[in-house]
N, C-alpha and C. Protein backbone atom coordinates (compact mmCIF):
# COMPACT_ATOMS: atom_id res chain seq x y z
N MET A 1 -32.27 60.70 -59.21
CA MET A 1 -32.49 59.15 -59.06
C MET A 1 -33.65 58.92 -59.81
N ALA A 2 -33.74 57.78 -60.30
CA ALA A 2 -34.87 57.35 -61.08
C ALA A 2 -35.94 56.72 -60.38
N ILE A 3 -37.08 56.90 -60.90
CA ILE A 3 -38.13 55.91 -60.03
C ILE A 3 -38.78 54.76 -61.18
N ASN A 4 -38.63 53.65 -60.71
CA ASN A 4 -39.00 52.63 -61.68
C ASN A 4 -40.42 52.10 -61.08
N VAL A 5 -41.56 52.24 -61.75
CA VAL A 5 -42.70 51.74 -61.37
C VAL A 5 -43.06 50.62 -62.06
N ASN A 6 -43.42 49.40 -61.44
CA ASN A 6 -43.70 48.37 -62.06
C ASN A 6 -45.18 47.65 -61.65
N ASN A 7 -45.95 48.67 -61.42
CA ASN A 7 -47.40 48.52 -60.99
C ASN A 7 -48.20 49.21 -61.93
N PRO A 8 -49.06 48.35 -62.67
CA PRO A 8 -49.86 48.71 -63.62
C PRO A 8 -51.02 49.69 -63.29
N GLU A 9 -51.35 49.52 -62.26
CA GLU A 9 -52.42 50.62 -61.53
C GLU A 9 -51.71 52.01 -61.45
N ALA A 10 -50.70 51.93 -60.70
CA ALA A 10 -49.73 53.18 -60.54
C ALA A 10 -49.63 53.78 -61.81
N ASP A 11 -49.17 53.09 -62.73
CA ASP A 11 -48.79 53.62 -64.16
C ASP A 11 -50.02 54.23 -64.76
N ALA A 12 -51.04 53.56 -64.76
CA ALA A 12 -52.39 54.05 -65.42
C ALA A 12 -52.95 55.47 -64.69
N LEU A 13 -52.88 55.45 -63.39
CA LEU A 13 -53.28 56.47 -62.52
C LEU A 13 -52.44 57.43 -62.79
N THR A 14 -50.95 57.28 -62.96
CA THR A 14 -50.21 58.59 -63.05
C THR A 14 -50.53 59.25 -64.43
N ARG A 15 -50.60 58.28 -65.52
CA ARG A 15 -50.96 58.68 -66.87
C ARG A 15 -52.28 59.35 -66.97
N GLN A 16 -53.35 58.94 -66.44
CA GLN A 16 -54.53 59.51 -66.32
C GLN A 16 -54.36 61.06 -65.60
N PHE A 17 -53.55 60.95 -64.36
CA PHE A 17 -53.67 62.36 -64.01
C PHE A 17 -52.69 63.35 -64.75
N ALA A 18 -51.43 62.64 -65.41
CA ALA A 18 -50.81 63.65 -66.57
C ALA A 18 -51.66 64.32 -67.31
N GLN A 19 -52.66 63.38 -68.01
CA GLN A 19 -53.48 63.76 -68.95
C GLN A 19 -54.38 64.98 -68.52
N MET A 20 -55.20 64.81 -67.31
CA MET A 20 -56.05 65.63 -66.78
C MET A 20 -55.26 66.90 -66.40
N ALA A 21 -54.11 67.17 -65.84
CA ALA A 21 -53.31 68.16 -65.48
C ALA A 21 -52.71 68.84 -66.77
N GLY A 22 -52.62 68.20 -67.83
CA GLY A 22 -51.90 68.59 -69.19
C GLY A 22 -50.28 68.76 -69.00
N VAL A 23 -49.77 67.65 -68.15
CA VAL A 23 -48.60 67.65 -67.87
C VAL A 23 -47.83 66.36 -68.30
N GLY A 24 -46.43 66.38 -68.26
CA GLY A 24 -45.83 64.97 -68.53
C GLY A 24 -45.85 64.05 -67.13
N ILE A 25 -45.35 62.91 -67.39
CA ILE A 25 -45.43 61.98 -66.33
C ILE A 25 -44.57 62.41 -65.19
N THR A 26 -43.40 62.97 -65.29
CA THR A 26 -42.66 63.34 -64.15
C THR A 26 -43.42 64.36 -63.31
N ASP A 27 -43.74 65.48 -64.09
CA ASP A 27 -44.37 66.60 -63.64
C ASP A 27 -45.66 65.96 -62.78
N ALA A 28 -46.43 65.16 -63.40
CA ALA A 28 -47.55 64.57 -62.84
C ALA A 28 -47.26 63.84 -61.39
N ILE A 29 -46.34 63.36 -61.43
CA ILE A 29 -45.78 62.61 -60.16
C ILE A 29 -45.48 63.65 -58.92
N VAL A 30 -44.81 64.49 -59.65
CA VAL A 30 -44.20 65.89 -58.68
C VAL A 30 -45.50 66.55 -57.96
N ILE A 31 -46.42 66.83 -58.98
CA ILE A 31 -47.66 67.57 -58.63
C ILE A 31 -48.47 66.71 -57.62
N ALA A 32 -48.83 65.50 -57.74
CA ALA A 32 -49.64 64.76 -56.95
C ALA A 32 -48.81 64.47 -55.45
N MET A 33 -47.63 64.43 -55.71
CA MET A 33 -46.93 63.99 -54.44
C MET A 33 -46.98 65.29 -53.48
N ARG A 34 -46.89 66.37 -54.05
CA ARG A 34 -46.95 67.86 -53.24
C ARG A 34 -48.35 68.09 -52.78
N GLU A 35 -49.29 67.60 -53.54
CA GLU A 35 -50.59 67.92 -53.28
C GLU A 35 -51.02 66.80 -51.86
N ALA A 36 -50.61 65.64 -52.01
CA ALA A 36 -51.01 64.55 -51.09
C ALA A 36 -50.09 65.04 -49.67
N ILE A 37 -48.91 65.49 -49.91
CA ILE A 37 -48.13 65.92 -48.67
C ILE A 37 -49.00 67.07 -47.85
N GLU A 38 -49.16 68.05 -48.77
CA GLU A 38 -49.82 69.24 -48.36
C GLU A 38 -51.25 68.81 -47.61
N ARG A 39 -51.95 67.88 -48.16
CA ARG A 39 -53.38 67.49 -47.76
C ARG A 39 -53.08 66.90 -46.44
N ARG A 40 -52.33 65.95 -46.28
CA ARG A 40 -51.98 65.15 -45.07
C ARG A 40 -51.51 66.08 -43.86
N SER A 41 -50.55 67.00 -44.24
CA SER A 41 -50.04 67.95 -43.20
C SER A 41 -51.07 68.79 -42.75
N LEU A 42 -52.10 69.10 -43.64
CA LEU A 42 -53.07 70.07 -42.83
C LEU A 42 -54.24 69.35 -42.36
N ALA A 43 -54.07 67.92 -42.42
CA ALA A 43 -55.26 67.22 -41.79
C ALA A 43 -55.17 67.20 -40.35
N GLU A 44 -56.59 67.02 -39.62
CA GLU A 44 -56.53 67.17 -38.29
C GLU A 44 -56.22 65.80 -37.71
N THR A 45 -55.55 65.94 -36.58
CA THR A 45 -55.22 64.75 -35.79
C THR A 45 -56.38 64.23 -35.20
N PRO A 46 -56.44 63.08 -34.65
CA PRO A 46 -57.75 62.53 -33.87
C PRO A 46 -58.07 63.36 -32.77
N LEU A 47 -57.28 63.69 -31.88
CA LEU A 47 -57.46 64.63 -30.85
C LEU A 47 -58.31 65.98 -31.31
N GLU A 48 -57.75 66.48 -32.35
CA GLU A 48 -58.25 67.73 -32.81
C GLU A 48 -59.75 67.60 -33.50
N THR A 49 -59.84 66.53 -34.13
CA THR A 49 -61.26 66.03 -34.74
C THR A 49 -62.22 65.77 -33.56
N ALA A 50 -61.66 65.02 -32.46
CA ALA A 50 -62.61 64.90 -31.27
C ALA A 50 -63.02 66.29 -30.48
N ALA A 51 -61.87 67.18 -30.46
CA ALA A 51 -62.36 68.50 -29.70
C ALA A 51 -63.22 69.32 -30.57
N ARG A 52 -62.98 69.22 -31.84
CA ARG A 52 -63.81 69.93 -32.85
C ARG A 52 -65.39 69.47 -32.82
N LEU A 53 -65.44 68.11 -32.74
CA LEU A 53 -66.88 67.52 -32.72
C LEU A 53 -67.42 67.72 -31.28
N ARG A 54 -66.79 67.84 -30.14
CA ARG A 54 -67.21 68.17 -28.60
C ARG A 54 -67.73 69.66 -28.85
N ALA A 55 -67.00 70.62 -29.66
CA ALA A 55 -67.33 71.83 -29.53
C ALA A 55 -68.61 72.18 -30.47
N LYS A 56 -68.62 71.60 -31.32
CA LYS A 56 -69.78 71.58 -32.34
C LYS A 56 -71.11 71.07 -31.78
N HIS A 57 -70.87 69.91 -30.96
CA HIS A 57 -72.24 69.68 -30.41
C HIS A 57 -72.41 69.81 -28.83
N GLN A 58 -71.54 70.78 -28.41
CA GLN A 58 -71.55 71.30 -27.17
C GLN A 58 -71.43 70.04 -26.15
N VAL A 59 -70.61 69.31 -26.23
CA VAL A 59 -70.35 68.06 -25.25
C VAL A 59 -69.25 68.41 -24.30
N VAL A 60 -69.39 68.44 -23.13
CA VAL A 60 -68.33 68.79 -22.19
C VAL A 60 -67.94 67.59 -21.41
N LEU A 61 -66.71 67.33 -21.40
CA LEU A 61 -66.26 66.20 -20.68
C LEU A 61 -65.96 66.60 -19.21
N ASP A 62 -66.80 65.61 -18.35
CA ASP A 62 -66.55 65.96 -16.85
C ASP A 62 -65.22 65.14 -16.48
N GLU A 63 -64.78 65.41 -15.33
CA GLU A 63 -63.50 64.81 -14.79
C GLU A 63 -63.28 63.29 -15.10
N GLN A 64 -64.49 62.63 -14.66
CA GLN A 64 -64.45 61.16 -14.74
C GLN A 64 -64.38 60.81 -16.34
N ALA A 65 -64.95 61.50 -17.12
CA ALA A 65 -64.88 61.12 -18.59
C ALA A 65 -63.31 61.32 -19.18
N GLN A 66 -62.64 62.17 -18.41
CA GLN A 66 -61.27 62.04 -19.02
C GLN A 66 -60.31 61.31 -18.51
N LYS A 67 -60.80 60.33 -17.61
CA LYS A 67 -59.95 59.29 -17.11
C LYS A 67 -59.79 58.15 -17.88
N PRO A 68 -58.79 57.48 -18.14
CA PRO A 68 -58.69 56.14 -18.98
C PRO A 68 -59.55 55.15 -18.26
N LEU A 69 -60.27 54.38 -19.20
CA LEU A 69 -60.98 53.15 -18.69
C LEU A 69 -60.13 52.20 -17.88
N PRO A 70 -60.63 51.38 -17.10
CA PRO A 70 -59.79 50.25 -16.44
C PRO A 70 -59.55 49.16 -17.47
N ARG A 71 -58.66 48.38 -17.15
CA ARG A 71 -58.41 47.32 -18.19
C ARG A 71 -59.43 46.32 -18.28
N GLN A 72 -60.22 46.43 -17.03
CA GLN A 72 -61.68 45.31 -17.10
C GLN A 72 -62.52 45.64 -18.17
N ALA A 73 -62.49 46.96 -18.38
CA ALA A 73 -63.64 47.43 -19.41
C ALA A 73 -63.05 46.87 -20.78
N PHE A 74 -62.06 46.71 -21.05
CA PHE A 74 -61.42 46.20 -22.53
C PHE A 74 -61.50 44.78 -22.12
N ASP A 75 -61.21 44.26 -21.21
CA ASP A 75 -61.35 42.51 -21.36
C ASP A 75 -62.83 42.33 -21.32
N THR A 76 -63.79 43.05 -20.84
CA THR A 76 -65.14 42.79 -21.10
C THR A 76 -65.63 42.88 -22.63
N LEU A 77 -65.04 43.85 -23.28
CA LEU A 77 -65.36 43.91 -24.68
C LEU A 77 -64.78 42.77 -25.54
N TRP A 78 -63.83 42.15 -24.99
CA TRP A 78 -63.04 40.94 -25.77
C TRP A 78 -63.47 39.74 -25.07
N ASP A 79 -64.70 39.69 -24.20
CA ASP A 79 -65.04 38.53 -23.49
C ASP A 79 -63.92 37.79 -22.89
N LYS A 80 -62.88 38.70 -22.05
CA LYS A 80 -61.82 37.96 -21.37
C LYS A 80 -61.99 38.26 -19.93
N GLY A 81 -63.24 39.03 -19.60
CA GLY A 81 -63.34 39.21 -18.03
C GLY A 81 -64.29 38.20 -17.47
């Protein structure tokens, strides 16, 4: 199946990457997409990031801190309270 790119920036970036990697345009797209997928699949989730930062800075959440905030707290942030 063919890919038709009508975006000048996408075309320019693909050509720049192909030149840097020393490959053709099709191979450049395949390499870039594989790298992007791998990078995203290895990325931390927000919960993992929070846990890592808590551990790094030795922050322990007590029972109260683990409970969701009441709606009133959010309403106050948006001046609805």
